[in-house]
Amino acid sequence: MNADGTVTMPANGVETSTYSGRIHMYPAPAFLSDTQEIVVFFSEQDSNQDMRGMYAQKLDLQGNRLWSDEGIILKDLSYNDYFLLMQMER
């Protein structure tokens, strides 16, 4: 929703990755005010959840995927665990 209250993305959200046979978990969004875009970081996992990696996707305010339909690889799938570090405000 933009500053004047207009909804810009689809009501049920958008898929950050369309990579089939994978599970996309633990999304962490960040808003880029300079470019008016959203970057979503997420855990990418194989269907058995044995292998994990870190991916990211950039979206415009209409919900269009800007970094391919699968997103970009930050850490490819491996048997290691990767976690996003987020600071929570109190």
PDB file of N, CA and C in Angstrom:
ATOM      1  N   MET A   1       0.860  -1.161   0.000  1.00  0.00           N
ATOM      2  CA  MET A   1       0.000   0.000   0.000  1.00  0.00           C
ATOM      3  C   MET A   1       0.911   1.230   0.000  1.00  0.00           C
ATOM      4  N   ASN A   2       0.601   2.169  -0.870  1.00  0.00           N
ATOM      5  CA  ASN A   2       1.440   3.362  -0.905  1.00  0.00           C
ATOM      6  C   ASN A   2       0.942   4.420   0.086  1.00  0.00           C
ATOM      7  N   ALA A   3       1.595   5.568   0.101  1.00  0.00           N
ATOM      8  CA  ALA A   3       1.316   6.599   1.107  1.00  0.00           C
ATOM      9  C   ALA A   3      -0.109   7.137   1.062  1.00  0.00           C
ATOM     10  N   ASP A   4      -0.744   7.129  -0.113  1.00  0.00           N
ATOM     11  CA  ASP A   4      -2.121   7.630  -0.181  1.00  0.00           C
ATOM     12  C   ASP A   4      -3.172   6.545   0.035  1.00  0.00           C
ATOM     13  N   GLY A   5      -2.716   5.309   0.385  1.00  0.00           N
ATOM     14  CA  GLY A   5      -3.641   4.227   0.699  1.00  0.00           C
ATOM     15  C   GLY A   5      -4.000   3.338  -0.470  1.00  0.00           C
ATOM     16  N   THR A   6      -3.401   3.569  -1.624  1.00  0.00           N
ATOM     17  CA  THR A   6      -3.681   2.742  -2.794  1.00  0.00           C
ATOM     18  C   THR A   6      -2.943   1.414  -2.692  1.00  0.00           C
ATOM     19  N   VAL A   7      -3.673   0.313  -2.859  1.00  0.00           N
ATOM     20  CA  VAL A   7      -3.060  -1.014  -2.855  1.00  0.00           C
ATOM     21  C   VAL A   7      -2.373  -1.216  -4.194  1.00  0.00           C
ATOM     22  N   THR A   8      -1.080  -1.568  -4.160  1.00  0.00           N
ATOM     23  CA  THR A   8      -0.319  -1.697  -5.399  1.00  0.00           C
ATOM     24  C   THR A   8      -0.009  -3.151  -5.759  1.00  0.00           C
ATOM     25  N   MET A   9       0.011  -4.053  -4.794  1.00  0.00           N
ATOM     26  CA  MET A   9       0.314  -5.457  -5.057  1.00  0.00           C
ATOM     27  C   MET A   9      -0.959  -6.290  -5.008  1.00  0.00           C
ATOM     28  N   PRO A  10      -0.910  -7.495  -5.584  1.00  0.00           N
ATOM     29  CA  PRO A  10      -2.079  -8.373  -5.517  1.00  0.00           C
ATOM     30  C   PRO A  10      -2.498  -8.645  -4.067  1.00  0.00           C
ATOM     31  N   ALA A  11      -3.793  -8.808  -3.854  1.00  0.00           N
ATOM     32  CA  ALA A  11      -4.351  -8.970  -2.507  1.00  0.00           C
ATOM     33  C   ALA A  11      -3.767 -10.159  -1.750  1.00  0.00           C
ATOM     34  N   ASN A  12      -3.438 -11.231  -2.423  1.00  0.00           N
ATOM     35  CA  ASN A  12      -2.901 -12.415  -1.753  1.00  0.00           C
ATOM     36  C   ASN A  12      -1.384 -12.496  -1.826  1.00  0.00           C
ATOM     37  N   GLY A  13      -0.736 -11.392  -2.123  1.00  0.00           N
ATOM     38  CA  GLY A  13       0.718 -11.356  -2.173  1.00  0.00           C
ATOM     39  C   GLY A  13       1.273 -11.875  -3.482  1.00  0.00           C
ATOM     40  N   VAL A  14       2.572 -12.006  -3.550  1.00  0.00           N
ATOM     41  CA  VAL A  14       3.251 -12.496  -4.755  1.00  0.00           C
ATOM     42  C   VAL A  14       4.247 -13.572  -4.349  1.00  0.00           C
ATOM     43  N   GLU A  15       4.551 -14.460  -5.275  1.00  0.00           N
ATOM     44  CA  GLU A  15       5.570 -15.475  -5.034  1.00  0.00           C
ATOM     45  C   GLU A  15       6.943 -14.843  -5.249  1.00  0.00           C
ATOM     46  N   THR A  16       7.833 -15.017  -4.288  1.00  0.00           N
ATOM     47  CA  THR A  16       9.180 -14.484  -4.471  1.00  0.00           C
ATOM     48  C   THR A  16      10.013 -15.398  -5.354  1.00  0.00           C
ATOM     49  N   SER A  17       9.644 -16.671  -5.431  1.00  0.00           N
ATOM     50  CA  SER A  17      10.359 -17.622  -6.283  1.00  0.00           C
ATOM     51  C   SER A  17       9.362 -18.640  -6.820  1.00  0.00           C
ATOM     52  N   THR A  18       9.520 -18.973  -8.091  1.00  0.00           N
ATOM     53  CA  THR A  18       8.675 -19.998  -8.702  1.00  0.00           C
ATOM     54  C   THR A  18       9.456 -21.285  -8.930  1.00  0.00           C
ATOM     55  N   TYR A  19      10.605 -21.423  -8.271  1.00  0.00           N
ATOM     56  CA  TYR A  19      11.457 -22.598  -8.423  1.00  0.00           C
ATOM     57  C   TYR A  19      10.661 -23.822  -7.988  1.00  0.00           C
ATOM     58  N   SER A  20      10.339 -24.712  -8.906  1.00  0.00           N
ATOM     59  CA  SER A  20       9.532 -25.888  -8.569  1.00  0.00           C
ATOM     60  C   SER A  20      10.388 -26.941  -7.876  1.00  0.00           C
ATOM     61  N   GLY A  21       9.749 -27.712  -7.006  1.00  0.00           N
ATOM     62  CA  GLY A  21      10.458 -28.750  -6.270  1.00  0.00           C
ATOM     63  C   GLY A  21      11.274 -28.223  -5.107  1.00  0.00           C
ATOM     64  N   ARG A  22      11.105 -26.961  -4.779  1.00  0.00           N
ATOM     65  CA  ARG A  22      11.823 -26.336  -3.671  1.00  0.00           C
ATOM     66  C   ARG A  22      10.827 -25.718  -2.702  1.00  0.00           C
ATOM     67  N   ILE A  23      11.278 -25.520  -1.484  1.00  0.00           N
ATOM     68  CA  ILE A  23      10.465 -24.871  -0.459  1.00  0.00           C
ATOM     69  C   ILE A  23      11.128 -23.539  -0.131  1.00  0.00           C
ATOM     70  N   HIS A  24      10.352 -22.476  -0.136  1.00  0.00           N
ATOM     71  CA  HIS A  24      10.861 -21.128   0.121  1.00  0.00           C
ATOM     72  C   HIS A  24      10.344 -20.721   1.494  1.00  0.00           C
ATOM     73  N   MET A  25      11.254 -20.538   2.450  1.00  0.00           N
ATOM     74  CA  MET A  25      10.832 -20.322   3.831  1.00  0.00           C
ATOM     75  C   MET A  25      11.513 -19.111   4.458  1.00  0.00           C
ATOM     76  N   TYR A  26      10.929 -18.651   5.555  1.00  0.00           N
ATOM     77  CA  TYR A  26      11.476 -17.602   6.418  1.00  0.00           C
ATOM     78  C   TYR A  26      11.794 -16.308   5.657  1.00  0.00           C
ATOM     79  N   PRO A  27      10.830 -15.727   4.967  1.00  0.00           N
ATOM     80  CA  PRO A  27      11.098 -14.491   4.234  1.00  0.00           C
ATOM     81  C   PRO A  27      11.393 -13.323   5.170  1.00  0.00           C
ATOM     82  N   ALA A  28      12.318 -12.481   4.745  1.00  0.00           N
ATOM     83  CA  ALA A  28      12.665 -11.270   5.489  1.00  0.00           C
ATOM     84  C   ALA A  28      12.753 -10.122   4.483  1.00  0.00           C
ATOM     85  N   PRO A  29      11.745  -9.241   4.459  1.00  0.00           N
ATOM     86  CA  PRO A  29      11.736  -8.162   3.477  1.00  0.00           C
ATOM     87  C   PRO A  29      12.512  -6.927   3.941  1.00  0.00           C
ATOM     88  N   ALA A  30      12.981  -6.165   2.963  1.00  0.00           N
ATOM     89  CA  ALA A  30      13.623  -4.874   3.220  1.00  0.00           C
ATOM     90  C   ALA A  30      13.147  -3.913   2.140  1.00  0.00           C
ATOM     91  N   PHE A  31      12.749  -2.707   2.541  1.00  0.00           N
ATOM     92  CA  PHE A  31      12.278  -1.702   1.592  1.00  0.00           C
ATOM     93  C   PHE A  31      13.426  -0.780   1.216  1.00  0.00           C
ATOM     94  N   LEU A  32      13.634  -0.597  -0.085  1.00  0.00           N
ATOM     95  CA  LEU A  32      14.678   0.290  -0.595  1.00  0.00           C
ATOM     96  C   LEU A  32      14.018   1.615  -0.967  1.00  0.00           C
ATOM     97  N   SER A  33      14.080   2.579  -0.079  1.00  0.00           N
ATOM     98  CA  SER A  33      13.354   3.838  -0.285  1.00  0.00           C
ATOM     99  C   SER A  33      13.873   4.630  -1.484  1.00  0.00           C
ATOM    100  N   ASP A  34      15.175   4.541  -1.787  1.00  0.00           N
ATOM    101  CA  ASP A  34      15.733   5.293  -2.915  1.00  0.00           C
ATOM    102  C   ASP A  34      15.144   4.851  -4.253  1.00  0.00           C
ATOM    103  N   THR A  35      14.908   3.545  -4.398  1.00  0.00           N
ATOM    104  CA  THR A  35      14.413   3.011  -5.670  1.00  0.00           C
ATOM    105  C   THR A  35      12.950   2.577  -5.601  1.00  0.00           C
ATOM    106  N   GLN A  36      12.342   2.654  -4.404  1.00  0.00           N
ATOM    107  CA  GLN A  36      10.955   2.226  -4.210  1.00  0.00           C
ATOM    108  C   GLN A  36      10.773   0.763  -4.614  1.00  0.00           C
ATOM    109  N   GLU A  37      11.687  -0.084  -4.144  1.00  0.00           N
ATOM    110  CA  GLU A  37      11.638  -1.520  -4.412  1.00  0.00           C
ATOM    111  C   GLU A  37      11.739  -2.278  -3.095  1.00  0.00           C
ATOM    112  N   ILE A  38      11.395  -3.548  -3.142  1.00  0.00           N
ATOM    113  CA  ILE A  38      11.447  -4.418  -1.970  1.00  0.00           C
ATOM    114  C   ILE A  38      12.391  -5.567  -2.282  1.00  0.00           C
ATOM    115  N   VAL A  39      13.303  -5.871  -1.369  1.00  0.00           N
ATOM    116  CA  VAL A  39      14.148  -7.052  -1.487  1.00  0.00           C
ATOM    117  C   VAL A  39      13.708  -8.015  -0.392  1.00  0.00           C
ATOM    118  N   VAL A  40      13.481  -9.258  -0.799  1.00  0.00           N
ATOM    119  CA  VAL A  40      13.077 -10.296   0.153  1.00  0.00           C
ATOM    120  C   VAL A  40      14.179 -11.342   0.185  1.00  0.00           C
ATOM    121  N   PHE A  41      14.723 -11.591   1.364  1.00  0.00           N
ATOM    122  CA  PHE A  41      15.711 -12.644   1.583  1.00  0.00           C
ATOM    123  C   PHE A  41      14.951 -13.848   2.126  1.00  0.00           C
ATOM    124  N   PHE A  42      15.326 -15.057   1.691  1.00  0.00           N
ATOM    125  CA  PHE A  42      14.598 -16.239   2.168  1.00  0.00           C
ATOM    126  C   PHE A  42      15.475 -17.486   2.113  1.00  0.00           C
ATOM    127  N   SER A  43      15.082 -18.458   2.917  1.00  0.00           N
ATOM    128  CA  SER A  43      15.738 -19.759   2.925  1.00  0.00           C
ATOM    129  C   SER A  43      15.145 -20.599   1.798  1.00  0.00           C
ATOM    130  N   GLU A  44      16.000 -21.149   0.971  1.00  0.00           N
ATOM    131  CA  GLU A  44      15.574 -22.052  -0.106  1.00  0.00           C
ATOM    132  C   GLU A  44      15.947 -23.461   0.334  1.00  0.00           C
ATOM    133  N   GLN A  45      15.002 -24.399   0.270  1.00  0.00           N
ATOM    134  CA  GLN A  45      15.254 -25.758   0.735  1.00  0.00           C
ATOM    135  C   GLN A  45      14.786 -26.764  -0.295  1.00  0.00           C
ATOM    136  N   ASP A  46      15.461 -27.917  -0.322  1.00  0.00           N
ATOM    137  CA  ASP A  46      14.990 -28.965  -1.224  1.00  0.00           C
ATOM    138  C   ASP A  46      13.699 -29.555  -0.661  1.00  0.00           C
ATOM    139  N   SER A  47      13.036 -30.386  -1.435  1.00  0.00           N
ATOM    140  CA  SER A  47      11.721 -30.893  -1.029  1.00  0.00           C
ATOM    141  C   SER A  47      11.771 -31.743   0.233  1.00  0.00           C
ATOM    142  N   ASN A  48      12.921 -32.334   0.555  1.00  0.00           N
ATOM    143  CA  ASN A  48      13.069 -33.116   1.791  1.00  0.00           C
ATOM    144  C   ASN A  48      13.537 -32.264   2.964  1.00  0.00           C
ATOM    145  N   GLN A  49      13.839 -31.031   2.721  1.00  0.00           N
ATOM    146  CA  GLN A  49      14.391 -30.105   3.705  1.00  0.00           C
ATOM    147  C   GLN A  49      15.719 -30.597   4.267  1.00  0.00           C
ATOM    148  N   ASP A  50      16.460 -31.351   3.449  1.00  0.00           N
ATOM    149  CA  ASP A  50      17.797 -31.821   3.834  1.00  0.00           C
ATOM    150  C   ASP A  50      18.859 -30.781   3.482  1.00  0.00           C
ATOM    151  N   MET A  51      18.659 -30.113   2.357  1.00  0.00           N
ATOM    152  CA  MET A  51      19.627 -29.136   1.884  1.00  0.00           C
ATOM    153  C   MET A  51      19.005 -27.748   1.956  1.00  0.00           C
ATOM    154  N   ARG A  52      19.837 -26.760   2.318  1.00  0.00           N
ATOM    155  CA  ARG A  52      19.346 -25.391   2.474  1.00  0.00           C
ATOM    156  C   ARG A  52      20.317 -24.417   1.839  1.00  0.00           C
ATOM    157  N   GLY A  53      19.763 -23.294   1.430  1.00  0.00           N
ATOM    158  CA  GLY A  53      20.567 -22.214   0.885  1.00  0.00           C
ATOM    159  C   GLY A  53      19.890 -20.898   1.185  1.00  0.00           C
ATOM    160  N   MET A  54      20.500 -19.810   0.766  1.00  0.00           N
ATOM    161  CA  MET A  54      19.929 -18.475   0.957  1.00  0.00           C
ATOM    162  C   MET A  54      19.753 -17.839  -0.415  1.00  0.00           C
ATOM    163  N   TYR A  55      18.551 -17.299  -0.640  1.00  0.00           N
ATOM    164  CA  TYR A  55      18.214 -16.647  -1.891  1.00  0.00           C
ATOM    165  C   TYR A  55      17.657 -15.259  -1.596  1.00  0.00           C
ATOM    166  N   ALA A  56      17.526 -14.456  -2.644  1.00  0.00           N
ATOM    167  CA  ALA A  56      16.916 -13.135  -2.511  1.00  0.00           C
ATOM    168  C   ALA A  56      16.131 -12.832  -3.784  1.00  0.00           C
ATOM    169  N   GLN A  57      15.135 -11.984  -3.643  1.00  0.00           N
ATOM    170  CA  GLN A  57      14.333 -11.543  -4.770  1.00  0.00           C
ATOM    171  C   GLN A  57      14.061 -10.053  -4.619  1.00  0.00           C
ATOM    172  N   LYS A  58      14.116  -9.331  -5.725  1.00  0.00           N
ATOM    173  CA  LYS A  58      13.758  -7.914  -5.711  1.00  0.00           C
ATOM    174  C   LYS A  58      12.413  -7.763  -6.412  1.00  0.00           C
ATOM    175  N   LEU A  59      11.510  -6.985  -5.804  1.00  0.00           N
ATOM    176  CA  LEU A  59      10.181  -6.750  -6.341  1.00  0.00           C
ATOM    177  C   LEU A  59       9.957  -5.261  -6.521  1.00  0.00           C
ATOM    178  N   ASP A  60       9.236  -4.897  -7.583  1.00  0.00           N
ATOM    179  CA  ASP A  60       8.793  -3.511  -7.676  1.00  0.00           C
ATOM    180  C   ASP A  60       7.499  -3.378  -6.880  1.00  0.00           C
ATOM    181  N   LEU A  61       6.959  -2.190  -6.797  1.00  0.00           N
ATOM    182  CA  LEU A  61       5.781  -1.975  -5.952  1.00  0.00           C
ATOM    183  C   LEU A  61       4.502  -2.556  -6.534  1.00  0.00           C
ATOM    184  N   GLN A  62       4.564  -3.072  -7.759  1.00  0.00           N
ATOM    185  CA  GLN A  62       3.416  -3.773  -8.329  1.00  0.00           C
ATOM    186  C   GLN A  62       3.507  -5.278  -8.102  1.00  0.00           C
ATOM    187  N   GLY A  63       4.621  -5.730  -7.523  1.00  0.00           N
ATOM    188  CA  GLY A  63       4.797  -7.144  -7.224  1.00  0.00           C
ATOM    189  C   GLY A  63       5.507  -7.933  -8.308  1.00  0.00           C
ATOM    190  N   ASN A  64       6.086  -7.256  -9.287  1.00  0.00           N
ATOM    191  CA  ASN A  64       6.822  -7.939 -10.349  1.00  0.00           C
ATOM    192  C   ASN A  64       8.184  -8.389  -9.840  1.00  0.00           C
ATOM    193  N   ARG A  65       8.560  -9.629 -10.140  1.00  0.00           N
ATOM    194  CA  ARG A  65       9.880 -10.149  -9.781  1.00  0.00           C
ATOM    195  C   ARG A  65      10.929  -9.528 -10.701  1.00  0.00           C
ATOM    196  N   LEU A  66      11.974  -8.961 -10.133  1.00  0.00           N
ATOM    197  CA  LEU A  66      12.993  -8.269 -10.915  1.00  0.00           C
ATOM    198  C   LEU A  66      14.293  -9.053 -11.046  1.00  0.00           C
ATOM    199  N   TRP A  67      14.494 -10.073 -10.202  1.00  0.00           N
ATOM    200  CA  TRP A  67      15.718 -10.880 -10.259  1.00  0.00           C
ATOM    201  C   TRP A  67      15.388 -12.294 -10.723  1.00  0.00           C
ATOM    202  N   SER A  68      14.845 -12.449 -11.893  1.00  0.00           N
ATOM    203  CA  SER A  68      14.408 -13.711 -12.492  1.00  0.00           C
ATOM    204  C   SER A  68      13.257 -14.299 -11.673  1.00  0.00           C
ATOM    205  N   ASP A  69      12.628 -15.318 -12.208  1.00  0.00           N
ATOM    206  CA  ASP A  69      11.496 -15.917 -11.495  1.00  0.00           C
ATOM    207  C   ASP A  69      11.920 -16.703 -10.258  1.00  0.00           C
ATOM    208  N   GLU A  70      13.165 -17.153 -10.222  1.00  0.00           N
ATOM    209  CA  GLU A  70      13.648 -17.925  -9.067  1.00  0.00           C
ATOM    210  C   GLU A  70      14.353 -17.064  -8.027  1.00  0.00           C
ATOM    211  N   GLY A  71      14.725 -15.846  -8.354  1.00  0.00           N
ATOM    212  CA  GLY A  71      15.522 -15.012  -7.460  1.00  0.00           C
ATOM    213  C   GLY A  71      16.993 -15.255  -7.702  1.00  0.00           C
ATOM    214  N   ILE A  72      17.833 -14.649  -6.868  1.00  0.00           N
ATOM    215  CA  ILE A  72      19.281 -14.844  -7.016  1.00  0.00           C
ATOM    216  C   ILE A  72      19.808 -15.680  -5.858  1.00  0.00           C
ATOM    217  N   ILE A  73      20.862 -16.412  -6.133  1.00  0.00           N
ATOM    218  CA  ILE A  73      21.480 -17.293  -5.136  1.00  0.00           C
ATOM    219  C   ILE A  73      22.489 -16.488  -4.326  1.00  0.00           C
ATOM    220  N   LEU A  74      22.306 -16.473  -3.013  1.00  0.00           N
ATOM    221  CA  LEU A  74      23.310 -15.895  -2.119  1.00  0.00           C
ATOM    222  C   LEU A  74      24.228 -16.997  -1.601  1.00  0.00           C
ATOM    223  N   LYS A  75      23.643 -18.120  -1.213  1.00  0.00           N
ATOM    224  CA  LYS A  75      24.368 -19.332  -0.815  1.00  0.00           C
ATOM    225  C   LYS A  75      23.629 -20.495  -1.433  1.00  0.00           C
ATOM    226  N   ASP A  76      24.293 -21.252  -2.306  1.00  0.00           N
ATOM    227  CA  ASP A  76      23.635 -22.370  -2.983  1.00  0.00           C
ATOM    228  C   ASP A  76      23.285 -23.474  -1.980  1.00  0.00           C
ATOM    229  N   LEU A  77      22.409 -24.379  -2.389  1.00  0.00           N
ATOM    230  CA  LEU A  77      21.987 -25.461  -1.503  1.00  0.00           C
ATOM    231  C   LEU A  77      23.178 -26.298  -1.051  1.00  0.00           C
ATOM    232  N   SER A  78      23.172 -26.620   0.234  1.00  0.00           N
ATOM    233  CA  SER A  78      24.181 -27.504   0.812  1.00  0.00           C
ATOM    234  C   SER A  78      23.566 -28.128   2.064  1.00  0.00           C
ATOM    235  N   TYR A  79      24.326 -28.941   2.736  1.00  0.00           N
ATOM    236  CA  TYR A  79      23.833 -29.569   3.969  1.00  0.00           C
ATOM    237  C   TYR A  79      24.081 -28.695   5.198  1.00  0.00           C
ATOM    238  N   ASN A  80      24.472 -27.447   5.001  1.00  0.00           N
ATOM    239  CA  ASN A  80      24.659 -26.497   6.093  1.00  0.00           C
ATOM    240  C   ASN A  80      23.350 -25.775   6.376  1.00  0.00           C
ATOM    241  N   ASP A  81      23.225 -25.237   7.568  1.00  0.00           N
ATOM    242  CA  ASP A  81      22.083 -24.404   7.921  1.00  0.00           C
ATOM    243  C   ASP A  81      22.488 -22.941   7.798  1.00  0.00           C
ATOM    244  N   TYR A  82      21.604 -22.136   7.222  1.00  0.00           N
ATOM    245  CA  TYR A  82      21.835 -20.700   7.114  1.00  0.00           C
ATOM    246  C   TYR A  82      20.640 -19.989   7.712  1.00  0.00           C
ATOM    247  N   PHE A  83      20.888 -18.973   8.486  1.00  0.00           N
ATOM    248  CA  PHE A  83      19.825 -18.218   9.131  1.00  0.00           C
ATOM    249  C   PHE A  83      19.985 -16.742   8.822  1.00  0.00           C
ATOM    250  N   LEU A  84      18.859 -16.061   8.680  1.00  0.00           N
ATOM    251  CA  LEU A  84      18.884 -14.616   8.510  1.00  0.00           C
ATOM    252  C   LEU A  84      18.983 -13.961   9.874  1.00  0.00           C
ATOM    253  N   LEU A  85      19.831 -12.981   9.982  1.00  0.00           N
ATOM    254  CA  LEU A  85      19.931 -12.226  11.217  1.00  0.00           C
ATOM    255  C   LEU A  85      19.052 -10.997  11.104  1.00  0.00           C
ATOM    256  N   MET A  86      18.129 -10.863  12.018  1.00  0.00           N
ATOM    257  CA  MET A  86      17.231  -9.709  12.001  1.00  0.00           C
ATOM    258  C   MET A  86      17.215  -9.088  13.378  1.00  0.00           C
ATOM    259  N   GLN A  87      17.206  -7.774  13.406  1.00  0.00           N
ATOM    260  CA  GLN A  87      17.116  -7.054  14.664  1.00  0.00           C
ATOM    261  C   GLN A  87      15.659  -6.675  14.907  1.00  0.00           C
ATOM    262  N   MET A  88      15.181  -6.989  16.082  1.00  0.00           N
ATOM    263  CA  MET A  88      13.806  -6.658  16.418  1.00  0.00           C
ATOM    264  C   MET A  88      13.793  -5.422  17.304  1.00  0.00           C
ATOM    265  N   GLU A  89      12.928  -4.485  16.987  1.00  0.00           N
ATOM    266  CA  GLU A  89      12.797  -3.283  17.802  1.00  0.00           C
ATOM    267  C   GLU A  89      11.920  -3.588  19.006  1.00  0.00           C
ATOM    268  N   ARG A  90      12.270  -3.021  20.127  1.00  0.00           N
ATOM    269  CA  ARG A  90      11.463  -3.239  21.341  1.00  0.00           C
ATOM    270  C   ARG A  90      10.941  -1.932  21.842  1.00  0.00           C
TER     271      ARG A  90
END
